[in-house]
N, C-alpha and C. Protein backbone atom coordinates (compact mmCIF):
# COMPACT_ATOMS: atom_id res chain seq x y z
N MET A 1 7.35 -47.55 -58.09
CA MET A 1 7.91 -48.11 -56.90
C MET A 1 9.05 -47.36 -56.07
N ALA A 2 8.91 -47.47 -54.98
CA ALA A 2 9.86 -46.72 -54.14
C ALA A 2 11.21 -47.56 -54.01
N SER A 3 12.32 -46.76 -54.12
CA SER A 3 13.55 -47.24 -54.10
C SER A 3 13.83 -48.07 -52.61
N PRO A 4 14.91 -48.86 -52.41
CA PRO A 4 15.05 -49.33 -51.12
C PRO A 4 15.60 -48.31 -50.29
N LEU A 5 16.51 -47.11 -51.01
CA LEU A 5 16.94 -46.25 -50.11
C LEU A 5 15.98 -45.25 -49.55
N SER A 6 14.71 -44.98 -50.44
CA SER A 6 13.77 -44.27 -49.76
C SER A 6 12.92 -44.81 -48.76
N SER A 7 12.93 -46.09 -49.07
CA SER A 7 12.12 -47.22 -47.98
C SER A 7 13.00 -47.01 -46.56
N GLU A 8 14.28 -47.10 -46.71
CA GLU A 8 14.95 -46.98 -45.35
C GLU A 8 14.74 -45.85 -44.68
N SER A 9 14.84 -44.79 -45.56
CA SER A 9 14.76 -43.17 -45.30
C SER A 9 13.48 -43.15 -44.30
N ASP A 10 12.55 -43.84 -45.11
CA ASP A 10 11.13 -43.53 -44.47
C ASP A 10 10.90 -44.27 -43.12
N LYS A 11 11.56 -45.41 -43.08
CA LYS A 11 11.77 -46.10 -41.71
C LYS A 11 12.14 -45.22 -40.55
N LEU A 12 13.28 -44.62 -41.07
CA LEU A 12 14.22 -43.89 -40.19
C LEU A 12 13.49 -42.84 -39.66
N ASP A 13 12.87 -42.12 -40.76
CA ASP A 13 12.01 -40.99 -40.40
C ASP A 13 11.00 -41.42 -39.42
N GLU A 14 10.42 -42.40 -39.64
CA GLU A 14 8.99 -42.64 -38.90
C GLU A 14 9.46 -43.20 -37.72
N ALA A 15 10.56 -43.86 -37.39
CA ALA A 15 11.23 -44.26 -36.19
C ALA A 15 11.50 -42.97 -35.24
N ARG A 16 12.17 -41.96 -35.87
CA ARG A 16 12.39 -40.49 -34.98
C ARG A 16 11.17 -40.12 -34.83
N PHE A 17 10.22 -39.92 -35.63
CA PHE A 17 8.78 -39.52 -35.21
C PHE A 17 8.15 -40.23 -34.26
N ARG A 18 8.19 -41.63 -34.06
CA ARG A 18 7.58 -42.13 -32.81
C ARG A 18 8.37 -41.92 -31.84
N ALA A 19 9.65 -41.89 -31.87
CA ALA A 19 10.57 -41.74 -30.60
C ALA A 19 10.25 -40.15 -29.98
N ARG A 20 10.16 -39.24 -30.98
CA ARG A 20 9.85 -37.73 -30.66
C ARG A 20 8.41 -37.96 -29.69
N MET A 21 7.23 -38.81 -30.41
CA MET A 21 5.97 -38.70 -29.93
C MET A 21 5.93 -39.36 -28.62
N ALA A 22 6.65 -40.53 -28.22
CA ALA A 22 6.73 -41.26 -27.10
C ALA A 22 7.35 -40.19 -25.98
N ARG A 23 8.52 -39.30 -26.26
CA ARG A 23 8.76 -38.41 -25.35
C ARG A 23 7.97 -37.38 -24.86
N VAL A 24 7.16 -36.91 -26.07
CA VAL A 24 6.10 -35.71 -25.63
C VAL A 24 4.95 -36.39 -24.49
N SER A 25 4.64 -37.72 -25.05
CA SER A 25 3.48 -38.18 -24.48
C SER A 25 4.03 -38.31 -22.88
N GLU A 26 5.27 -38.81 -22.90
CA GLU A 26 5.71 -38.96 -21.53
C GLU A 26 5.76 -37.72 -20.76
N SER A 27 5.94 -36.76 -21.27
CA SER A 27 5.81 -35.37 -20.37
C SER A 27 4.52 -34.59 -20.32
N GLY A 28 3.38 -35.25 -20.91
CA GLY A 28 2.48 -34.82 -20.50
C GLY A 28 1.61 -33.85 -21.78
N GLY A 29 2.55 -33.80 -22.94
CA GLY A 29 2.07 -32.75 -23.87
C GLY A 29 1.41 -33.31 -24.76
N TYR A 30 1.11 -34.50 -24.78
CA TYR A 30 0.35 -35.22 -25.88
C TYR A 30 -0.74 -34.54 -26.49
N PRO A 31 -0.82 -34.00 -27.59
CA PRO A 31 -2.05 -33.37 -28.08
C PRO A 31 -3.28 -34.13 -28.08
N GLY A 32 -3.25 -35.38 -28.08
CA GLY A 32 -4.62 -36.29 -28.08
C GLY A 32 -5.20 -35.97 -26.80
N ARG A 33 -4.45 -35.99 -25.81
CA ARG A 33 -4.90 -36.00 -24.33
C ARG A 33 -5.41 -34.75 -23.88
N PRO A 34 -6.76 -34.60 -23.33
CA PRO A 34 -6.93 -33.17 -23.03
C PRO A 34 -6.15 -32.94 -21.65
N ARG A 35 -6.02 -31.40 -21.68
CA ARG A 35 -5.16 -31.03 -20.66
C ARG A 35 -6.26 -30.65 -19.37
N PRO A 36 -5.72 -30.77 -18.23
CA PRO A 36 -6.71 -30.52 -17.12
C PRO A 36 -6.94 -28.95 -16.94
N ARG A 37 -8.15 -28.74 -16.67
CA ARG A 37 -8.21 -26.93 -16.54
C ARG A 37 -7.91 -26.53 -15.61
N GLU A 38 -7.54 -25.45 -15.58
CA GLU A 38 -7.01 -24.36 -14.75
C GLU A 38 -7.45 -24.55 -13.29
N ASP A 39 -8.84 -24.68 -13.34
CA ASP A 39 -9.64 -24.79 -12.15
C ASP A 39 -9.44 -26.13 -10.99
N GLU A 40 -9.16 -27.06 -11.87
CA GLU A 40 -9.13 -28.41 -11.24
C GLU A 40 -7.53 -28.33 -10.97
N GLU A 41 -6.49 -27.72 -11.69
CA GLU A 41 -5.26 -27.74 -11.36
C GLU A 41 -5.05 -26.84 -9.87
N GLU A 42 -6.09 -25.77 -9.86
CA GLU A 42 -5.67 -24.94 -8.61
C GLU A 42 -6.40 -25.69 -7.54
N ALA A 43 -7.43 -26.44 -7.70
CA ALA A 43 -7.99 -27.21 -6.55
C ALA A 43 -6.97 -28.22 -6.22
N ALA A 44 -6.57 -29.09 -7.29
CA ALA A 44 -5.47 -30.04 -6.74
C ALA A 44 -4.37 -29.29 -5.96
N THR A 45 -3.96 -28.30 -6.38
CA THR A 45 -2.42 -27.83 -5.44
C THR A 45 -3.04 -26.57 -4.51
N GLY A 46 -4.21 -26.41 -4.41
CA GLY A 46 -4.66 -25.57 -3.50
C GLY A 46 -4.23 -23.94 -3.41
N ARG A 47 -4.06 -23.57 -4.52
CA ARG A 47 -3.44 -22.38 -5.09
C ARG A 47 -4.73 -21.43 -5.27
N PHE A 48 -4.39 -20.04 -5.06
CA PHE A 48 -5.68 -19.35 -5.24
C PHE A 48 -5.08 -18.43 -6.33
N ARG A 49 -5.85 -18.07 -7.41
CA ARG A 49 -5.35 -17.20 -8.42
C ARG A 49 -6.56 -16.10 -8.57
N LEU A 50 -6.12 -14.98 -8.69
CA LEU A 50 -7.00 -13.71 -9.23
C LEU A 50 -6.72 -13.48 -10.63
N GLY A 51 -7.73 -12.91 -11.38
CA GLY A 51 -7.80 -12.79 -12.60
C GLY A 51 -6.92 -11.11 -12.92
N TRP A 52 -7.01 -10.79 -13.93
CA TRP A 52 -6.35 -9.33 -14.08
C TRP A 52 -7.16 -8.26 -13.45
N PHE A 53 -8.35 -8.50 -13.39
CA PHE A 53 -9.33 -7.65 -12.79
C PHE A 53 -8.80 -7.55 -11.04
N GLY A 54 -8.47 -8.68 -10.74
CA GLY A 54 -8.48 -8.66 -9.12
C GLY A 54 -7.03 -8.19 -9.16
N TRP A 55 -6.08 -8.36 -9.75
CA TRP A 55 -4.76 -7.88 -9.61
C TRP A 55 -4.77 -6.37 -9.57
N LEU A 56 -5.61 -5.98 -10.93
CA LEU A 56 -5.75 -4.66 -10.82
C LEU A 56 -6.19 -3.64 -9.77
N LEU A 57 -7.46 -4.27 -9.14
CA LEU A 57 -7.56 -3.79 -7.89
C LEU A 57 -6.72 -3.55 -6.54
N VAL A 58 -5.91 -5.16 -6.51
CA VAL A 58 -4.85 -5.10 -5.37
C VAL A 58 -4.02 -4.13 -5.65
N ASP A 59 -3.45 -3.68 -6.93
CA ASP A 59 -2.22 -2.82 -7.27
C ASP A 59 -2.81 -1.19 -7.16
N SER A 60 -4.09 -1.16 -7.53
CA SER A 60 -4.72 0.18 -7.15
C SER A 60 -4.82 0.52 -5.69
N LEU A 61 -5.32 -0.54 -4.78
CA LEU A 61 -5.38 -0.07 -3.44
C LEU A 61 -3.90 0.03 -2.87
N VAL A 62 -2.64 -0.70 -3.24
CA VAL A 62 -1.52 -0.50 -2.85
C VAL A 62 -0.98 1.03 -3.06
N VAL A 63 -1.20 1.15 -4.22
CA VAL A 63 -0.89 2.64 -4.73
C VAL A 63 -1.86 3.65 -4.18
N ILE A 64 -2.94 3.88 -3.97
CA ILE A 64 -3.80 4.59 -2.94
C ILE A 64 -3.29 4.55 -1.72
N GLY A 65 -3.09 3.65 -1.04
CA GLY A 65 -2.78 3.23 0.23
C GLY A 65 -1.44 4.12 0.42
N THR A 66 -0.28 3.74 -0.44
CA THR A 66 0.91 4.52 -0.25
C THR A 66 0.79 5.93 -0.41
N VAL A 67 0.02 6.47 -1.39
CA VAL A 67 0.00 7.99 -1.52
C VAL A 67 -0.74 8.47 -0.15
N ALA A 68 -1.89 7.79 0.30
CA ALA A 68 -2.53 8.17 1.42
C ALA A 68 -1.62 8.46 2.55
N ALA A 69 -0.71 7.31 2.94
CA ALA A 69 0.54 7.46 3.70
C ALA A 69 1.19 8.64 3.67
N VAL A 70 1.93 8.86 2.53
CA VAL A 70 2.75 9.80 2.27
C VAL A 70 2.22 11.09 2.39
N VAL A 71 0.93 11.29 2.07
CA VAL A 71 0.41 12.51 2.29
C VAL A 71 -0.04 12.94 3.98
N ALA A 72 -0.54 11.77 4.46
CA ALA A 72 -1.10 11.80 5.76
C ALA A 72 -0.22 11.80 6.92
N TRP A 73 0.97 11.25 6.81
CA TRP A 73 2.06 10.69 7.99
C TRP A 73 2.84 12.18 8.52
N PRO A 74 3.38 13.23 7.70
CA PRO A 74 4.10 14.11 8.51
C PRO A 74 3.18 15.05 9.06
N PRO A 75 1.95 15.32 8.41
CA PRO A 75 0.83 16.31 9.32
C PRO A 75 0.65 15.79 10.75
N VAL A 76 0.26 14.37 10.59
CA VAL A 76 -0.01 13.44 11.94
C VAL A 76 0.96 13.46 12.90
N ASP A 77 2.27 13.46 12.43
CA ASP A 77 3.35 13.16 13.15
C ASP A 77 3.52 14.74 13.78
N ALA A 78 3.63 15.73 12.93
CA ALA A 78 3.83 17.05 13.47
C ALA A 78 2.77 17.56 14.52
N CYS A 79 1.70 17.24 14.23
CA CYS A 79 0.29 17.70 15.15
C CYS A 79 0.58 16.78 16.41
N ARG A 80 0.85 15.68 16.34
CA ARG A 80 1.13 14.66 17.73
C ARG A 80 2.28 15.46 18.32
N ALA A 81 3.58 15.84 17.85
CA ALA A 81 4.52 16.36 18.38
C ALA A 81 4.00 17.85 18.91
N GLN A 82 3.39 18.45 18.32
CA GLN A 82 3.01 19.84 18.81
C GLN A 82 2.17 19.34 20.26
N GLY A 83 1.00 18.57 19.94
CA GLY A 83 0.57 18.39 21.19
C GLY A 83 1.08 18.05 22.26
N ARG A 84 2.38 17.12 22.23
CA ARG A 84 3.25 16.67 23.27
C ARG A 84 4.06 18.20 23.97
N THR A 85 4.32 18.79 23.14
CA THR A 85 5.43 19.96 23.62
C THR A 85 4.68 21.33 24.07
N VAL A 86 3.81 21.81 22.93
CA VAL A 86 3.48 23.04 23.41
C VAL A 86 2.04 23.13 23.50
N GLY A 87 1.26 22.20 22.91
CA GLY A 87 -0.17 22.31 22.81
C GLY A 87 -0.61 22.95 21.93
N PHE A 88 -1.89 23.30 22.11
CA PHE A 88 -2.50 23.88 21.07
C PHE A 88 -3.62 24.92 21.64
N MET A 89 -3.73 25.95 20.82
CA MET A 89 -4.60 27.13 21.08
C MET A 89 -5.74 26.75 21.51
N THR A 90 -6.47 27.54 22.11
CA THR A 90 -8.35 27.20 22.55
C THR A 90 -9.20 26.95 21.35
N GLY A 91 -9.55 25.97 21.30
CA GLY A 91 -10.60 25.30 20.26
C GLY A 91 -9.88 24.83 19.18
N ASP A 92 -8.59 24.56 19.26
CA ASP A 92 -8.02 23.89 18.19
C ASP A 92 -7.73 22.31 18.96
N THR A 93 -7.87 21.55 17.95
CA THR A 93 -7.39 19.92 18.40
C THR A 93 -6.50 19.27 17.47
N VAL A 94 -6.07 17.89 17.83
CA VAL A 94 -5.18 17.16 17.26
C VAL A 94 -5.92 16.93 15.82
N GLU A 95 -7.10 16.74 15.61
CA GLU A 95 -8.03 16.33 14.40
C GLU A 95 -7.81 17.62 13.71
N LYS A 96 -8.07 18.51 14.31
CA LYS A 96 -8.12 20.02 13.40
C LYS A 96 -6.78 20.25 12.78
N CYS A 97 -5.81 20.00 13.57
CA CYS A 97 -4.46 20.27 13.13
C CYS A 97 -4.00 19.26 12.02
N ILE A 98 -4.64 18.16 12.06
CA ILE A 98 -3.97 17.23 11.06
C ILE A 98 -5.01 17.37 9.99
N ARG A 99 -6.19 17.73 9.86
CA ARG A 99 -6.98 18.02 8.71
C ARG A 99 -6.42 19.30 7.96
N ARG A 100 -6.17 20.25 8.81
CA ARG A 100 -5.41 21.64 8.18
C ARG A 100 -4.03 21.13 7.49
N GLY A 101 -3.35 20.30 8.14
CA GLY A 101 -1.92 19.83 7.60
C GLY A 101 -2.27 19.13 6.32
N ILE A 102 -2.96 17.95 6.16
CA ILE A 102 -3.39 17.30 5.01
C ILE A 102 -3.87 18.35 3.77
N GLY A 103 -4.77 19.21 4.33
CA GLY A 103 -5.30 20.29 3.11
C GLY A 103 -4.16 21.00 2.54
N GLU A 104 -3.22 21.43 3.58
CA GLU A 104 -1.92 22.20 3.02
C GLU A 104 -1.21 21.26 1.95
N ARG A 105 -0.98 20.09 2.46
CA ARG A 105 -0.04 19.20 1.62
C ARG A 105 -0.88 18.83 0.25
N LEU A 106 -2.09 18.79 0.51
CA LEU A 106 -2.71 18.56 -1.09
C LEU A 106 -2.97 19.88 -1.79
N THR A 107 -3.00 20.94 -1.34
CA THR A 107 -3.09 22.18 -2.08
C THR A 107 -1.72 22.52 -2.77
N ASN A 108 -0.56 22.27 -1.85
CA ASN A 108 0.93 22.26 -2.30
C ASN A 108 1.15 21.44 -3.30
N ALA A 109 0.87 20.20 -3.52
CA ALA A 109 0.72 19.11 -4.49
C ALA A 109 0.09 19.73 -5.87
N ASP A 110 -1.32 20.27 -5.41
CA ASP A 110 -1.92 20.70 -6.72
C ASP A 110 -1.19 21.69 -7.42
N GLN A 111 -0.73 22.75 -6.47
CA GLN A 111 -0.03 23.75 -7.17
C GLN A 111 1.23 23.41 -8.07
N ARG A 112 2.19 22.27 -7.40
CA ARG A 112 3.25 21.89 -8.06
C ARG A 112 2.85 21.20 -9.42
N VAL A 113 1.67 20.59 -9.47
CA VAL A 113 1.38 19.94 -10.93
C VAL A 113 0.94 21.02 -11.58
N LYS A 114 0.12 21.95 -11.38
CA LYS A 114 -0.13 22.94 -12.16
C LYS A 114 1.15 23.75 -12.63
N MET A 115 1.93 24.50 -12.03
CA MET A 115 3.47 24.41 -12.14
C MET A 115 3.87 23.84 -13.13
N PHE A 116 4.04 22.33 -12.94
CA PHE A 116 4.78 21.73 -13.89
C PHE A 116 4.09 21.57 -15.22
N LEU A 117 2.69 21.61 -15.32
CA LEU A 117 2.10 21.56 -16.72
C LEU A 117 1.91 22.94 -17.55
N ARG A 118 2.13 23.87 -16.64
CA ARG A 118 2.52 25.27 -17.30
C ARG A 118 3.65 25.56 -17.79
N GLY A 119 4.95 24.62 -17.05
CA GLY A 119 6.23 24.80 -17.38
C GLY A 119 6.67 25.76 -16.76
N SER A 120 6.24 26.53 -15.68
CA SER A 120 6.70 27.81 -15.13
C SER A 120 7.06 27.22 -13.68
N GLY A 121 7.72 28.06 -13.09
CA GLY A 121 8.63 27.43 -11.67
C GLY A 121 9.74 27.16 -11.71
N HIS A 122 10.39 26.29 -10.89
CA HIS A 122 11.60 25.82 -10.72
C HIS A 122 11.68 24.37 -11.27
């Protein structure tokens, strides 16, 4: 048979357990109650969530857009300034100047990457 002390201790443990479970159930974390699905939560709050692939696509587009702007902006700006100040030779246009400038920047970047990989240059 159980001693009166262990009975009192069991009653105290049970009271603590029930109080803890009551706190958990008030906060919505009771394991017996099913948790609402994320789709239902999103519909209720009006939020839009992207999966990992969606965010990978968004991040890739941001990086590609930034690189394109860094590569293209200086030649575009220089050719527009040249068109305003001195003009172009016969047969040359702003578009050709821009294409030539972007090509030079890509070639220069390619050469720098190759030098870095070979460990030569400065």
